[in-house]
């Protein structure tokens, strides 16, 4: 498993518009190969938004980062200060704390 955390700020877009855009785009993200889950983030007080992505492996995450979809996020005029960080998952302790989603069969 591999984790990716993406953060950004909104520019000239209110939260209602952003929420609508997220709902429209959610099926596109749900169809990404190798994506186990995406958690959508919002902190209105600091204008911080983004997502936590749980990937089945690092290769799937790298494919997403190289995709037109991810590049489009970075060039969207309503998004600024985009960051993306990746983390390997320590699977043994994570499984003890029920943090792993089983891979599809």
N, C-alpha and C. Protein backbone atom coordinates (compact mmCIF):
# COMPACT_ATOMS: atom_id res chain seq x y z
N UNK A 1 0.84 -1.18 0.00
CA UNK A 1 0.00 0.00 0.00
C UNK A 1 0.89 1.24 0.00
N UNK A 2 0.33 2.30 -0.51
CA UNK A 2 1.07 3.56 -0.61
C UNK A 2 0.07 4.71 -0.38
N UNK A 3 0.52 5.73 0.32
CA UNK A 3 -0.33 6.89 0.63
C UNK A 3 0.19 8.11 -0.12
N UNK A 4 -0.72 8.90 -0.63
CA UNK A 4 -0.40 10.18 -1.25
C UNK A 4 -1.30 11.23 -0.60
N UNK A 5 -0.69 12.34 -0.19
CA UNK A 5 -1.46 13.43 0.38
C UNK A 5 -1.28 14.65 -0.51
N UNK A 6 -2.39 15.14 -1.05
CA UNK A 6 -2.39 16.30 -1.95
C UNK A 6 -3.10 17.43 -1.22
N UNK A 7 -2.46 18.60 -1.22
CA UNK A 7 -3.06 19.79 -0.60
C UNK A 7 -2.96 20.96 -1.56
N UNK A 8 -3.90 21.89 -1.42
CA UNK A 8 -3.89 23.12 -2.21
C UNK A 8 -4.83 24.12 -1.58
N UNK A 9 -4.83 25.32 -2.14
CA UNK A 9 -5.77 26.37 -1.73
C UNK A 9 -6.65 26.71 -2.92
N UNK A 10 -7.87 27.14 -2.64
CA UNK A 10 -8.78 27.58 -3.69
C UNK A 10 -8.52 29.04 -4.02
N UNK A 11 -8.72 29.37 -5.29
CA UNK A 11 -8.56 30.74 -5.76
C UNK A 11 -9.77 31.10 -6.61
N UNK A 12 -10.49 32.13 -6.21
CA UNK A 12 -11.65 32.62 -6.95
C UNK A 12 -12.69 31.53 -7.19
N UNK A 13 -12.90 30.72 -6.16
CA UNK A 13 -13.92 29.67 -6.19
C UNK A 13 -14.39 29.50 -4.75
N UNK A 14 -15.69 29.53 -4.54
CA UNK A 14 -16.18 29.34 -3.17
C UNK A 14 -16.37 27.86 -2.86
N UNK A 15 -16.62 27.58 -1.62
CA UNK A 15 -16.72 26.18 -1.19
C UNK A 15 -17.88 25.45 -1.87
N UNK A 16 -18.99 26.12 -2.10
CA UNK A 16 -20.12 25.48 -2.77
C UNK A 16 -19.74 25.06 -4.18
N UNK A 17 -19.08 25.95 -4.91
CA UNK A 17 -18.63 25.61 -6.27
C UNK A 17 -17.64 24.45 -6.23
N UNK A 18 -16.74 24.49 -5.25
CA UNK A 18 -15.74 23.43 -5.13
C UNK A 18 -16.42 22.09 -4.82
N UNK A 19 -17.36 22.09 -3.89
CA UNK A 19 -18.07 20.85 -3.54
C UNK A 19 -18.79 20.27 -4.75
N UNK A 20 -19.41 21.12 -5.55
CA UNK A 20 -20.09 20.65 -6.77
C UNK A 20 -19.08 20.04 -7.74
N UNK A 21 -17.94 20.70 -7.91
CA UNK A 21 -16.90 20.17 -8.81
C UNK A 21 -16.39 18.82 -8.31
N UNK A 22 -16.22 18.69 -7.00
CA UNK A 22 -15.76 17.42 -6.42
C UNK A 22 -16.75 16.29 -6.70
N UNK A 23 -18.03 16.58 -6.52
CA UNK A 23 -19.04 15.55 -6.77
C UNK A 23 -19.06 15.13 -8.23
N UNK A 24 -18.83 16.09 -9.13
CA UNK A 24 -18.76 15.76 -10.56
C UNK A 24 -17.55 14.88 -10.87
N UNK A 25 -16.43 15.18 -10.24
CA UNK A 25 -15.18 14.49 -10.54
C UNK A 25 -15.01 13.18 -9.78
N UNK A 26 -15.77 12.97 -8.72
CA UNK A 26 -15.58 11.77 -7.89
C UNK A 26 -15.60 10.47 -8.69
N UNK A 27 -16.53 10.27 -9.64
CA UNK A 27 -16.51 9.02 -10.41
C UNK A 27 -15.23 8.83 -11.22
N UNK A 28 -14.65 9.93 -11.70
CA UNK A 28 -13.40 9.83 -12.45
C UNK A 28 -12.30 9.31 -11.54
N UNK A 29 -12.22 9.84 -10.33
CA UNK A 29 -11.22 9.37 -9.38
C UNK A 29 -11.51 7.94 -8.96
N UNK A 30 -12.76 7.59 -8.75
CA UNK A 30 -13.11 6.24 -8.34
C UNK A 30 -12.66 5.19 -9.36
N UNK A 31 -12.56 5.58 -10.61
CA UNK A 31 -12.19 4.66 -11.68
C UNK A 31 -10.68 4.55 -11.89
N UNK A 32 -9.89 5.29 -11.12
CA UNK A 32 -8.44 5.25 -11.31
C UNK A 32 -7.88 3.87 -11.00
N UNK A 33 -7.10 3.30 -11.91
CA UNK A 33 -6.50 1.99 -11.65
C UNK A 33 -5.59 2.05 -10.42
N UNK A 34 -5.76 1.10 -9.54
CA UNK A 34 -4.90 0.99 -8.38
C UNK A 34 -5.29 1.85 -7.19
N UNK A 35 -6.34 2.65 -7.32
CA UNK A 35 -6.78 3.48 -6.20
C UNK A 35 -7.72 2.67 -5.31
N UNK A 36 -7.33 2.48 -4.05
CA UNK A 36 -8.17 1.76 -3.10
C UNK A 36 -9.21 2.68 -2.50
N UNK A 37 -8.80 3.95 -2.23
CA UNK A 37 -9.73 4.91 -1.61
C UNK A 37 -9.16 6.32 -1.75
N UNK A 38 -10.05 7.29 -1.78
CA UNK A 38 -9.67 8.70 -1.71
C UNK A 38 -10.56 9.35 -0.67
N UNK A 39 -9.94 10.10 0.22
CA UNK A 39 -10.67 10.87 1.23
C UNK A 39 -10.49 12.33 0.86
N UNK A 40 -11.60 13.03 0.66
CA UNK A 40 -11.61 14.43 0.24
C UNK A 40 -11.50 15.31 1.49
N UNK A 41 -10.60 16.29 1.46
CA UNK A 41 -10.33 17.11 2.63
C UNK A 41 -10.76 18.56 2.42
N UNK A 42 -11.19 19.21 3.50
CA UNK A 42 -11.56 20.63 3.44
C UNK A 42 -11.34 21.26 4.81
N UNK A 43 -10.63 22.38 4.83
CA UNK A 43 -10.47 23.19 6.03
C UNK A 43 -10.78 24.62 5.64
N UNK A 44 -12.03 25.00 5.79
CA UNK A 44 -12.49 26.33 5.37
C UNK A 44 -11.71 27.45 6.04
N UNK A 45 -11.39 27.28 7.32
CA UNK A 45 -10.75 28.34 8.09
C UNK A 45 -9.38 28.73 7.53
N UNK A 46 -8.68 27.77 6.95
CA UNK A 46 -7.34 28.08 6.41
C UNK A 46 -7.28 27.98 4.89
N UNK A 47 -8.43 27.78 4.24
CA UNK A 47 -8.49 27.63 2.78
C UNK A 47 -7.55 26.50 2.32
N UNK A 48 -7.57 25.41 3.05
CA UNK A 48 -6.77 24.24 2.71
C UNK A 48 -7.70 23.10 2.29
N UNK A 49 -7.42 22.53 1.13
CA UNK A 49 -8.25 21.46 0.56
C UNK A 49 -7.32 20.39 0.01
N UNK A 50 -7.87 19.27 -0.37
CA UNK A 50 -7.05 18.24 -0.97
C UNK A 50 -7.64 16.87 -0.78
N UNK A 51 -6.73 15.89 -0.74
CA UNK A 51 -7.17 14.52 -0.60
C UNK A 51 -6.08 13.62 -0.06
N UNK A 52 -6.52 12.56 0.59
CA UNK A 52 -5.63 11.49 1.01
C UNK A 52 -5.99 10.30 0.12
N UNK A 53 -5.01 9.83 -0.62
CA UNK A 53 -5.20 8.73 -1.56
C UNK A 53 -4.54 7.49 -0.99
N UNK A 54 -5.25 6.38 -0.99
CA UNK A 54 -4.69 5.10 -0.62
C UNK A 54 -4.55 4.28 -1.90
N UNK A 55 -3.32 4.03 -2.29
CA UNK A 55 -3.01 3.29 -3.51
C UNK A 55 -2.62 1.86 -3.16
N UNK A 56 -2.92 0.93 -4.07
CA UNK A 56 -2.52 -0.46 -3.85
C UNK A 56 -1.01 -0.61 -3.92
N UNK A 57 -0.34 0.25 -4.69
CA UNK A 57 1.11 0.22 -4.75
C UNK A 57 1.64 1.55 -5.28
N UNK A 58 2.94 1.74 -5.16
CA UNK A 58 3.57 3.00 -5.56
C UNK A 58 3.45 3.21 -7.08
N UNK A 59 3.50 2.16 -7.84
CA UNK A 59 3.40 2.27 -9.30
C UNK A 59 2.07 2.89 -9.72
N UNK A 60 0.99 2.51 -9.07
CA UNK A 60 -0.33 3.10 -9.38
C UNK A 60 -0.32 4.59 -9.08
N UNK A 61 0.29 4.98 -7.96
CA UNK A 61 0.36 6.40 -7.61
C UNK A 61 1.20 7.16 -8.64
N UNK A 62 2.31 6.59 -9.04
CA UNK A 62 3.16 7.24 -10.03
C UNK A 62 2.43 7.41 -11.36
N UNK A 63 1.63 6.44 -11.73
CA UNK A 63 0.85 6.56 -12.96
C UNK A 63 -0.13 7.71 -12.87
N UNK A 64 -0.76 7.87 -11.71
CA UNK A 64 -1.67 9.00 -11.51
C UNK A 64 -0.93 10.32 -11.60
N UNK A 65 0.22 10.43 -10.94
CA UNK A 65 0.99 11.68 -10.95
C UNK A 65 1.43 12.03 -12.37
N UNK A 66 1.65 11.03 -13.22
CA UNK A 66 2.06 11.27 -14.60
C UNK A 66 0.87 11.48 -15.55
N UNK A 67 -0.35 11.38 -15.02
CA UNK A 67 -1.55 11.43 -15.87
C UNK A 67 -1.99 12.86 -16.20
N UNK A 68 -2.80 12.96 -17.25
CA UNK A 68 -3.41 14.24 -17.60
C UNK A 68 -4.32 14.74 -16.49
N UNK A 69 -4.97 13.83 -15.78
CA UNK A 69 -5.86 14.22 -14.69
C UNK A 69 -5.08 14.98 -13.62
N UNK A 70 -3.96 14.44 -13.17
CA UNK A 70 -3.18 15.11 -12.13
C UNK A 70 -2.56 16.41 -12.66
N UNK A 71 -2.05 16.38 -13.87
CA UNK A 71 -1.50 17.62 -14.45
C UNK A 71 -2.58 18.69 -14.55
N UNK A 72 -3.81 18.29 -14.85
CA UNK A 72 -4.92 19.23 -14.93
C UNK A 72 -5.22 19.90 -13.60
N UNK A 73 -5.04 19.17 -12.52
CA UNK A 73 -5.23 19.76 -11.20
C UNK A 73 -4.21 20.88 -11.01
N UNK A 74 -2.99 20.61 -11.39
CA UNK A 74 -1.91 21.58 -11.21
C UNK A 74 -2.04 22.82 -12.06
N UNK A 75 -2.76 22.72 -13.17
CA UNK A 75 -2.91 23.87 -14.07
C UNK A 75 -4.27 24.54 -13.94
N UNK A 76 -5.13 24.01 -13.08
CA UNK A 76 -6.45 24.59 -12.88
C UNK A 76 -6.30 25.99 -12.27
N UNK A 77 -6.88 27.01 -12.88
CA UNK A 77 -6.72 28.37 -12.36
C UNK A 77 -7.38 28.59 -10.99
N UNK A 78 -8.21 27.67 -10.55
CA UNK A 78 -8.86 27.80 -9.25
C UNK A 78 -8.06 27.13 -8.12
N UNK A 79 -6.93 26.55 -8.48
CA UNK A 79 -6.10 25.85 -7.50
C UNK A 79 -4.72 26.49 -7.47
N UNK A 80 -4.25 26.77 -6.26
CA UNK A 80 -2.90 27.34 -6.11
C UNK A 80 -2.19 26.62 -4.96
N UNK A 81 -0.88 26.72 -4.99
CA UNK A 81 -0.02 26.13 -3.94
C UNK A 81 -0.23 24.62 -3.80
N UNK A 82 -0.30 23.94 -4.93
CA UNK A 82 -0.49 22.49 -4.93
C UNK A 82 0.76 21.79 -4.41
N UNK A 83 0.57 20.86 -3.48
CA UNK A 83 1.65 20.00 -3.02
C UNK A 83 1.19 18.56 -3.05
N UNK A 84 2.12 17.66 -3.25
CA UNK A 84 1.83 16.24 -3.24
C UNK A 84 2.98 15.53 -2.53
N UNK A 85 2.63 14.75 -1.52
CA UNK A 85 3.63 13.98 -0.78
C UNK A 85 3.22 12.52 -0.81
N UNK A 86 4.22 11.67 -0.82
CA UNK A 86 3.95 10.23 -0.83
C UNK A 86 4.61 9.56 0.36
N UNK A 87 3.98 8.48 0.79
CA UNK A 87 4.47 7.74 1.94
C UNK A 87 4.29 6.25 1.72
N UNK A 88 5.30 5.48 2.07
CA UNK A 88 5.12 4.04 2.14
C UNK A 88 4.31 3.74 3.39
N UNK A 89 3.60 2.64 3.38
CA UNK A 89 2.78 2.24 4.53
C UNK A 89 3.51 1.14 5.28
N UNK A 90 3.66 1.30 6.59
CA UNK A 90 4.19 0.24 7.44
C UNK A 90 3.03 -0.72 7.70
N UNK A 91 2.98 -1.77 6.89
CA UNK A 91 1.78 -2.60 6.85
C UNK A 91 1.54 -3.41 8.12
N UNK A 92 2.57 -3.91 8.78
CA UNK A 92 2.34 -4.74 9.97
C UNK A 92 1.63 -3.96 11.08
N UNK A 93 2.16 -2.82 11.53
CA UNK A 93 1.43 -2.10 12.58
C UNK A 93 0.12 -1.51 12.08
N UNK A 94 0.08 -1.14 10.80
CA UNK A 94 -1.15 -0.57 10.26
C UNK A 94 -2.27 -1.62 10.25
N UNK A 95 -1.94 -2.87 9.97
CA UNK A 95 -2.98 -3.91 9.98
C UNK A 95 -3.49 -4.14 11.40
N UNK A 96 -2.64 -3.98 12.40
CA UNK A 96 -3.08 -4.14 13.79
C UNK A 96 -4.08 -3.05 14.16
N UNK A 97 -3.87 -1.85 13.65
CA UNK A 97 -4.76 -0.72 13.97
C UNK A 97 -5.89 -0.58 12.95
N UNK A 98 -6.13 -1.63 12.17
CA UNK A 98 -7.23 -1.70 11.20
C UNK A 98 -7.17 -0.61 10.13
N UNK A 99 -5.97 -0.25 9.70
CA UNK A 99 -5.81 0.82 8.73
C UNK A 99 -5.72 0.37 7.29
N UNK A 100 -5.69 -0.92 7.02
CA UNK A 100 -5.55 -1.39 5.65
C UNK A 100 -6.89 -1.85 5.07
N UNK A 101 -7.10 -1.48 3.83
CA UNK A 101 -8.26 -1.95 3.08
C UNK A 101 -7.80 -3.12 2.25
N UNK A 102 -8.47 -4.25 2.32
CA UNK A 102 -8.04 -5.40 1.52
C UNK A 102 -8.04 -5.10 0.02
N UNK A 103 -7.02 -5.58 -0.67
CA UNK A 103 -6.94 -5.41 -2.12
C UNK A 103 -8.05 -6.23 -2.78
N UNK A 104 -8.59 -5.74 -3.91
CA UNK A 104 -9.63 -6.51 -4.60
C UNK A 104 -9.07 -7.81 -5.14
N UNK A 105 -9.92 -8.81 -5.19
CA UNK A 105 -9.49 -10.14 -5.65
C UNK A 105 -9.67 -10.22 -7.14
